[in-house]
Amino acid sequence: MLDLHEIPMILLIGWRGYLKNDAPEHTKIGQIQPKLIKALGIKSKILDEKSWKDTCNWAIKELKNKKLICLIIKREFID
């Protein structure tokens, strides 16, 4: 719906389950989460400490182009 009406939006999604010692219910979704977002046709990038500035600049550029995009946030990025 958002894409259909060209409503620009940045989705911030926490990436649970990519760590080996996470809860079992997080592990299942963590294995497929980036692929699932891609399958929905949403461009996404993973935020990390090394490239967060470039990733945020990419997100702003896409937002200005009226795109729906997703930033995937790992736990240690926030910690």
PDB file of N, CA and C in Angstrom:
ATOM      1  N   MET A   1       0.824  -1.195   0.000  1.00  0.00           N
ATOM      2  CA  MET A   1       0.000   0.000   0.000  1.00  0.00           C
ATOM      3  C   MET A   1       0.867   1.257   0.000  1.00  0.00           C
ATOM      4  N   LEU A   2       1.882   1.278   0.856  1.00  0.00           N
ATOM      5  CA  LEU A   2       2.746   2.451   0.911  1.00  0.00           C
ATOM      6  C   LEU A   2       3.465   2.646  -0.413  1.00  0.00           C
ATOM      7  N   ASP A   3       3.978   1.563  -0.979  1.00  0.00           N
ATOM      8  CA  ASP A   3       4.698   1.638  -2.246  1.00  0.00           C
ATOM      9  C   ASP A   3       3.765   2.060  -3.374  1.00  0.00           C
ATOM     10  N   LEU A   4       2.558   1.563  -3.367  1.00  0.00           N
ATOM     11  CA  LEU A   4       1.574   1.886  -4.386  1.00  0.00           C
ATOM     12  C   LEU A   4       1.318   3.387  -4.454  1.00  0.00           C
ATOM     13  N   HIS A   5       1.252   4.026  -3.299  1.00  0.00           N
ATOM     14  CA  HIS A   5       0.956   5.455  -3.243  1.00  0.00           C
ATOM     15  C   HIS A   5       2.205   6.308  -3.115  1.00  0.00           C
ATOM     16  N   GLU A   6       3.376   5.683  -3.267  1.00  0.00           N
ATOM     17  CA  GLU A   6       4.663   6.369  -3.203  1.00  0.00           C
ATOM     18  C   GLU A   6       4.816   7.202  -1.932  1.00  0.00           C
ATOM     19  N   ILE A   7       4.465   6.616  -0.812  1.00  0.00           N
ATOM     20  CA  ILE A   7       4.661   7.281   0.474  1.00  0.00           C
ATOM     21  C   ILE A   7       6.068   6.926   0.951  1.00  0.00           C
ATOM     22  N   PRO A   8       6.971   7.905   0.993  1.00  0.00           N
ATOM     23  CA  PRO A   8       8.336   7.612   1.409  1.00  0.00           C
ATOM     24  C   PRO A   8       8.383   7.276   2.902  1.00  0.00           C
ATOM     25  N   MET A   9       9.113   6.213   3.212  1.00  0.00           N
ATOM     26  CA  MET A   9       9.181   5.794   4.607  1.00  0.00           C
ATOM     27  C   MET A   9      10.438   4.962   4.830  1.00  0.00           C
ATOM     28  N   ILE A  10      11.051   5.148   5.988  1.00  0.00           N
ATOM     29  CA  ILE A  10      12.167   4.309   6.404  1.00  0.00           C
ATOM     30  C   ILE A  10      11.657   3.408   7.524  1.00  0.00           C
ATOM     31  N   LEU A  11      11.715   2.103   7.292  1.00  0.00           N
ATOM     32  CA  LEU A  11      11.351   1.136   8.322  1.00  0.00           C
ATOM     33  C   LEU A  11      12.623   0.777   9.090  1.00  0.00           C
ATOM     34  N   LEU A  12      12.597   0.909  10.395  1.00  0.00           N
ATOM     35  CA  LEU A  12      13.715   0.504  11.238  1.00  0.00           C
ATOM     36  C   LEU A  12      13.334  -0.820  11.878  1.00  0.00           C
ATOM     37  N   ILE A  13      14.039  -1.870  11.516  1.00  0.00           N
ATOM     38  CA  ILE A  13      13.691  -3.210  11.988  1.00  0.00           C
ATOM     39  C   ILE A  13      14.885  -3.820  12.706  1.00  0.00           C
ATOM     40  N   GLY A  14      14.662  -4.245  13.948  1.00  0.00           N
ATOM     41  CA  GLY A  14      15.708  -4.926  14.698  1.00  0.00           C
ATOM     42  C   GLY A  14      15.901  -6.330  14.162  1.00  0.00           C
ATOM     43  N   TRP A  15      17.170  -6.738  14.037  1.00  0.00           N
ATOM     44  CA  TRP A  15      17.482  -8.061  13.506  1.00  0.00           C
ATOM     45  C   TRP A  15      17.795  -9.005  14.649  1.00  0.00           C
ATOM     46  N   ARG A  16      16.780  -9.694  15.108  1.00  0.00           N
ATOM     47  CA  ARG A  16      16.935 -10.687  16.167  1.00  0.00           C
ATOM     48  C   ARG A  16      17.278 -12.018  15.535  1.00  0.00           C
ATOM     49  N   GLY A  17      18.064 -12.809  16.235  1.00  0.00           N
ATOM     50  CA  GLY A  17      18.313 -14.169  15.796  1.00  0.00           C
ATOM     51  C   GLY A  17      19.501 -14.383  14.893  1.00  0.00           C
ATOM     52  N   TYR A  18      20.225 -13.338  14.540  1.00  0.00           N
ATOM     53  CA  TYR A  18      21.407 -13.557  13.714  1.00  0.00           C
ATOM     54  C   TYR A  18      22.572 -14.068  14.559  1.00  0.00           C
ATOM     55  N   LEU A  19      22.490 -13.883  15.890  1.00  0.00           N
ATOM     56  CA  LEU A  19      23.508 -14.412  16.796  1.00  0.00           C
ATOM     57  C   LEU A  19      23.218 -15.879  17.107  1.00  0.00           C
ATOM     58  N   LYS A  20      24.234 -16.652  17.328  1.00  0.00           N
ATOM     59  CA  LYS A  20      24.045 -18.075  17.589  1.00  0.00           C
ATOM     60  C   LYS A  20      23.440 -18.349  18.958  1.00  0.00           C
ATOM     61  N   ASN A  21      23.601 -17.453  19.897  1.00  0.00           N
ATOM     62  CA  ASN A  21      23.115 -17.697  21.262  1.00  0.00           C
ATOM     63  C   ASN A  21      21.829 -16.941  21.578  1.00  0.00           C
ATOM     64  N   ASP A  22      21.037 -16.644  20.576  1.00  0.00           N
ATOM     65  CA  ASP A  22      19.775 -15.937  20.787  1.00  0.00           C
ATOM     66  C   ASP A  22      18.675 -16.953  21.102  1.00  0.00           C
ATOM     67  N   ALA A  23      17.529 -16.462  21.492  1.00  0.00           N
ATOM     68  CA  ALA A  23      16.387 -17.323  21.809  1.00  0.00           C
ATOM     69  C   ALA A  23      15.970 -18.120  20.566  1.00  0.00           C
ATOM     70  N   PRO A  24      15.501 -19.359  20.765  1.00  0.00           N
ATOM     71  CA  PRO A  24      15.134 -20.217  19.617  1.00  0.00           C
ATOM     72  C   PRO A  24      14.126 -19.577  18.662  1.00  0.00           C
ATOM     73  N   GLU A  25      13.150 -18.863  19.211  1.00  0.00           N
ATOM     74  CA  GLU A  25      12.147 -18.249  18.324  1.00  0.00           C
ATOM     75  C   GLU A  25      12.748 -17.111  17.489  1.00  0.00           C
ATOM     76  N   HIS A  26      13.812 -16.511  17.974  1.00  0.00           N
ATOM     77  CA  HIS A  26      14.474 -15.448  17.206  1.00  0.00           C
ATOM     78  C   HIS A  26      15.392 -16.030  16.142  1.00  0.00           C
ATOM     79  N   THR A  27      15.978 -17.175  16.430  1.00  0.00           N
ATOM     80  CA  THR A  27      16.909 -17.801  15.501  1.00  0.00           C
ATOM     81  C   THR A  27      16.234 -18.138  14.176  1.00  0.00           C
ATOM     82  N   LYS A  28      15.036 -18.660  14.222  1.00  0.00           N
ATOM     83  CA  LYS A  28      14.320 -19.044  12.990  1.00  0.00           C
ATOM     84  C   LYS A  28      14.094 -17.832  12.079  1.00  0.00           C
ATOM     85  N   ILE A  29      13.560 -16.760  12.641  1.00  0.00           N
ATOM     86  CA  ILE A  29      13.290 -15.573  11.818  1.00  0.00           C
ATOM     87  C   ILE A  29      14.585 -14.867  11.439  1.00  0.00           C
ATOM     88  N   GLY A  30      15.578 -14.915  12.331  1.00  0.00           N
ATOM     89  CA  GLY A  30      16.855 -14.270  12.050  1.00  0.00           C
ATOM     90  C   GLY A  30      17.558 -14.826  10.831  1.00  0.00           C
ATOM     91  N   GLN A  31      17.361 -16.107  10.582  1.00  0.00           N
ATOM     92  CA  GLN A  31      17.993 -16.747   9.426  1.00  0.00           C
ATOM     93  C   GLN A  31      17.426 -16.250   8.102  1.00  0.00           C
ATOM     94  N   ILE A  32      16.179 -15.834   8.107  1.00  0.00           N
ATOM     95  CA  ILE A  32      15.532 -15.448   6.839  1.00  0.00           C
ATOM     96  C   ILE A  32      15.133 -13.978   6.755  1.00  0.00           C
ATOM     97  N   GLN A  33      15.310 -13.223   7.812  1.00  0.00           N
ATOM     98  CA  GLN A  33      14.783 -11.862   7.844  1.00  0.00           C
ATOM     99  C   GLN A  33      15.227 -10.988   6.671  1.00  0.00           C
ATOM    100  N   PRO A  34      16.538 -10.849   6.374  1.00  0.00           N
ATOM    101  CA  PRO A  34      16.910 -10.008   5.224  1.00  0.00           C
ATOM    102  C   PRO A  34      16.338 -10.518   3.898  1.00  0.00           C
ATOM    103  N   LYS A  35      16.287 -11.846   3.729  1.00  0.00           N
ATOM    104  CA  LYS A  35      15.722 -12.420   2.503  1.00  0.00           C
ATOM    105  C   LYS A  35      14.220 -12.160   2.418  1.00  0.00           C
ATOM    106  N   LEU A  36      13.556 -12.199   3.556  1.00  0.00           N
ATOM    107  CA  LEU A  36      12.124 -11.944   3.594  1.00  0.00           C
ATOM    108  C   LEU A  36      11.817 -10.499   3.189  1.00  0.00           C
ATOM    109  N   ILE A  37      12.590  -9.575   3.702  1.00  0.00           N
ATOM    110  CA  ILE A  37      12.405  -8.160   3.347  1.00  0.00           C
ATOM    111  C   ILE A  37      12.639  -7.959   1.854  1.00  0.00           C
ATOM    112  N   LYS A  38      13.669  -8.616   1.325  1.00  0.00           N
ATOM    113  CA  LYS A  38      13.956  -8.519  -0.114  1.00  0.00           C
ATOM    114  C   LYS A  38      12.821  -9.127  -0.929  1.00  0.00           C
ATOM    115  N   ALA A  39      12.277 -10.259  -0.462  1.00  0.00           N
ATOM    116  CA  ALA A  39      11.172 -10.914  -1.165  1.00  0.00           C
ATOM    117  C   ALA A  39       9.932 -10.028  -1.221  1.00  0.00           C
ATOM    118  N   LEU A  40       9.778  -9.151  -0.250  1.00  0.00           N
ATOM    119  CA  LEU A  40       8.655  -8.208  -0.243  1.00  0.00           C
ATOM    120  C   LEU A  40       8.886  -7.029  -1.196  1.00  0.00           C
ATOM    121  N   GLY A  41      10.062  -6.994  -1.799  1.00  0.00           N
ATOM    122  CA  GLY A  41      10.370  -5.933  -2.751  1.00  0.00           C
ATOM    123  C   GLY A  41      10.809  -4.642  -2.100  1.00  0.00           C
ATOM    124  N   ILE A  42      11.297  -4.734  -0.873  1.00  0.00           N
ATOM    125  CA  ILE A  42      11.740  -3.541  -0.142  1.00  0.00           C
ATOM    126  C   ILE A  42      13.259  -3.503  -0.137  1.00  0.00           C
ATOM    127  N   LYS A  43      13.821  -2.408  -0.612  1.00  0.00           N
ATOM    128  CA  LYS A  43      15.272  -2.242  -0.545  1.00  0.00           C
ATOM    129  C   LYS A  43      15.669  -2.113   0.919  1.00  0.00           C
ATOM    130  N   SER A  44      16.805  -2.711   1.262  1.00  0.00           N
ATOM    131  CA  SER A  44      17.250  -2.621   2.651  1.00  0.00           C
ATOM    132  C   SER A  44      18.759  -2.645   2.742  1.00  0.00           C
ATOM    133  N   LYS A  45      19.246  -2.157   3.863  1.00  0.00           N
ATOM    134  CA  LYS A  45      20.666  -2.216   4.201  1.00  0.00           C
ATOM    135  C   LYS A  45      20.764  -2.481   5.692  1.00  0.00           C
ATOM    136  N   ILE A  46      21.877  -3.104   6.078  1.00  0.00           N
ATOM    137  CA  ILE A  46      22.130  -3.396   7.487  1.00  0.00           C
ATOM    138  C   ILE A  46      22.991  -2.288   8.072  1.00  0.00           C
ATOM    139  N   LEU A  47      22.536  -1.711   9.177  1.00  0.00           N
ATOM    140  CA  LEU A  47      23.316  -0.686   9.868  1.00  0.00           C
ATOM    141  C   LEU A  47      24.423  -1.349  10.676  1.00  0.00           C
ATOM    142  N   ASP A  48      25.638  -0.862  10.514  1.00  0.00           N
ATOM    143  CA  ASP A  48      26.721  -1.333  11.364  1.00  0.00           C
ATOM    144  C   ASP A  48      27.625  -0.154  11.717  1.00  0.00           C
ATOM    145  N   GLU A  49      28.519  -0.364  12.638  1.00  0.00           N
ATOM    146  CA  GLU A  49      29.350   0.734  13.131  1.00  0.00           C
ATOM    147  C   GLU A  49      30.291   1.290  12.070  1.00  0.00           C
ATOM    148  N   LYS A  50      30.698   0.470  11.129  1.00  0.00           N
ATOM    149  CA  LYS A  50      31.662   0.914  10.119  1.00  0.00           C
ATOM    150  C   LYS A  50      31.033   1.776   9.032  1.00  0.00           C
ATOM    151  N   SER A  51      29.821   1.437   8.628  1.00  0.00           N
ATOM    152  CA  SER A  51      29.234   2.119   7.464  1.00  0.00           C
ATOM    153  C   SER A  51      27.908   2.810   7.765  1.00  0.00           C
ATOM    154  N   TRP A  52      27.632   3.093   9.027  1.00  0.00           N
ATOM    155  CA  TRP A  52      26.318   3.653   9.370  1.00  0.00           C
ATOM    156  C   TRP A  52      26.067   4.991   8.681  1.00  0.00           C
ATOM    157  N   LYS A  53      27.098   5.804   8.547  1.00  0.00           N
ATOM    158  CA  LYS A  53      26.899   7.121   7.938  1.00  0.00           C
ATOM    159  C   LYS A  53      26.533   6.989   6.456  1.00  0.00           C
ATOM    160  N   ASP A  54      27.249   6.148   5.736  1.00  0.00           N
ATOM    161  CA  ASP A  54      26.932   5.919   4.316  1.00  0.00           C
ATOM    162  C   ASP A  54      25.543   5.302   4.159  1.00  0.00           C
ATOM    163  N   THR A  55      25.211   4.385   5.059  1.00  0.00           N
ATOM    164  CA  THR A  55      23.906   3.736   5.009  1.00  0.00           C
ATOM    165  C   THR A  55      22.787   4.744   5.258  1.00  0.00           C
ATOM    166  N   CYS A  56      22.985   5.632   6.217  1.00  0.00           N
ATOM    167  CA  CYS A  56      21.972   6.662   6.491  1.00  0.00           C
ATOM    168  C   CYS A  56      21.847   7.641   5.329  1.00  0.00           C
ATOM    169  N   ASN A  57      22.969   7.992   4.702  1.00  0.00           N
ATOM    170  CA  ASN A  57      22.912   8.871   3.519  1.00  0.00           C
ATOM    171  C   ASN A  57      22.161   8.192   2.382  1.00  0.00           C
ATOM    172  N   TRP A  58      22.379   6.879   2.206  1.00  0.00           N
ATOM    173  CA  TRP A  58      21.638   6.116   1.201  1.00  0.00           C
ATOM    174  C   TRP A  58      20.144   6.168   1.499  1.00  0.00           C
ATOM    175  N   ALA A  59      19.787   5.988   2.774  1.00  0.00           N
ATOM    176  CA  ALA A  59      18.375   5.981   3.171  1.00  0.00           C
ATOM    177  C   ALA A  59      17.724   7.340   2.896  1.00  0.00           C
ATOM    178  N   ILE A  60      18.423   8.406   3.200  1.00  0.00           N
ATOM    179  CA  ILE A  60      17.882   9.755   2.959  1.00  0.00           C
ATOM    180  C   ILE A  60      17.691   9.990   1.459  1.00  0.00           C
ATOM    181  N   LYS A  61      18.655   9.544   0.661  1.00  0.00           N
ATOM    182  CA  LYS A  61      18.541   9.690  -0.797  1.00  0.00           C
ATOM    183  C   LYS A  61      17.319   8.941  -1.317  1.00  0.00           C
ATOM    184  N   GLU A  62      17.137   7.699  -0.850  1.00  0.00           N
ATOM    185  CA  GLU A  62      15.986   6.904  -1.279  1.00  0.00           C
ATOM    186  C   GLU A  62      14.675   7.547  -0.812  1.00  0.00           C
ATOM    187  N   LEU A  63      14.683   8.105   0.378  1.00  0.00           N
ATOM    188  CA  LEU A  63      13.503   8.769   0.920  1.00  0.00           C
ATOM    189  C   LEU A  63      13.114   9.968   0.050  1.00  0.00           C
ATOM    190  N   LYS A  64      14.107  10.724  -0.370  1.00  0.00           N
ATOM    191  CA  LYS A  64      13.849  11.885  -1.241  1.00  0.00           C
ATOM    192  C   LYS A  64      13.295  11.458  -2.597  1.00  0.00           C
ATOM    193  N   ASN A  65      13.613  10.224  -3.002  1.00  0.00           N
ATOM    194  CA  ASN A  65      13.090   9.680  -4.257  1.00  0.00           C
ATOM    195  C   ASN A  65      11.761   8.961  -4.067  1.00  0.00           C
ATOM    196  N   LYS A  66      11.128   9.244  -2.924  1.00  0.00           N
ATOM    197  CA  LYS A  66       9.807   8.688  -2.592  1.00  0.00           C
ATOM    198  C   LYS A  66       9.801   7.162  -2.548  1.00  0.00           C
ATOM    199  N   LYS A  67      10.799   6.604  -1.901  1.00  0.00           N
ATOM    200  CA  LYS A  67      10.917   5.150  -1.812  1.00  0.00           C
ATOM    201  C   LYS A  67      10.629   4.667  -0.390  1.00  0.00           C
ATOM    202  N   LEU A  68      10.106   3.474  -0.307  1.00  0.00           N
ATOM    203  CA  LEU A  68       9.949   2.754   0.950  1.00  0.00           C
ATOM    204  C   LEU A  68      11.189   1.890   1.100  1.00  0.00           C
ATOM    205  N   ILE A  69      11.941   2.084   2.165  1.00  0.00           N
ATOM    206  CA  ILE A  69      13.160   1.316   2.381  1.00  0.00           C
ATOM    207  C   ILE A  69      13.219   0.843   3.825  1.00  0.00           C
ATOM    208  N   CYS A  70      14.168  -0.037   4.082  1.00  0.00           N
ATOM    209  CA  CYS A  70      14.296  -0.625   5.406  1.00  0.00           C
ATOM    210  C   CYS A  70      15.747  -0.572   5.866  1.00  0.00           C
ATOM    211  N   LEU A  71      15.945  -0.191   7.106  1.00  0.00           N
ATOM    212  CA  LEU A  71      17.259  -0.293   7.739  1.00  0.00           C
ATOM    213  C   LEU A  71      17.162  -1.383   8.795  1.00  0.00           C
ATOM    214  N   ILE A  72      18.026  -2.362   8.675  1.00  0.00           N
ATOM    215  CA  ILE A  72      18.056  -3.486   9.611  1.00  0.00           C
ATOM    216  C   ILE A  72      19.112  -3.182  10.660  1.00  0.00           C
ATOM    217  N   ILE A  73      18.708  -3.240  11.915  1.00  0.00           N
ATOM    218  CA  ILE A  73      19.581  -2.844  13.007  1.00  0.00           C
ATOM    219  C   ILE A  73      19.962  -4.057  13.854  1.00  0.00           C
ATOM    220  N   LYS A  74      21.265  -4.309  13.961  1.00  0.00           N
ATOM    221  CA  LYS A  74      21.763  -5.369  14.818  1.00  0.00           C
ATOM    222  C   LYS A  74      21.823  -4.872  16.260  1.00  0.00           C
ATOM    223  N   ARG A  75      21.694  -5.778  17.180  1.00  0.00           N
ATOM    224  CA  ARG A  75      21.652  -5.426  18.605  1.00  0.00           C
ATOM    225  C   ARG A  75      22.907  -4.653  19.039  1.00  0.00           C
ATOM    226  N   GLU A  76      24.096  -5.123  18.656  1.00  0.00           N
ATOM    227  CA  GLU A  76      25.306  -4.466  19.134  1.00  0.00           C
ATOM    228  C   GLU A  76      25.484  -3.065  18.567  1.00  0.00           C
ATOM    229  N   PHE A  77      24.771  -2.728  17.497  1.00  0.00           N
ATOM    230  CA  PHE A  77      24.833  -1.360  16.974  1.00  0.00           C
ATOM    231  C   PHE A  77      24.246  -0.385  17.984  1.00  0.00           C
ATOM    232  N   ILE A  78      23.215  -0.804  18.673  1.00  0.00           N
ATOM    233  CA  ILE A  78      22.555   0.046  19.673  1.00  0.00           C
ATOM    234  C   ILE A  78      23.263  -0.021  21.013  1.00  0.00           C
ATOM    235  N   ASP A  79      23.732  -1.214  21.388  1.00  0.00           N
ATOM    236  CA  ASP A  79      24.414  -1.391  22.672  1.00  0.00           C
ATOM    237  C   ASP A  79      25.658  -0.561  22.689  1.00  0.00           C
TER     238      ASP A  79
END
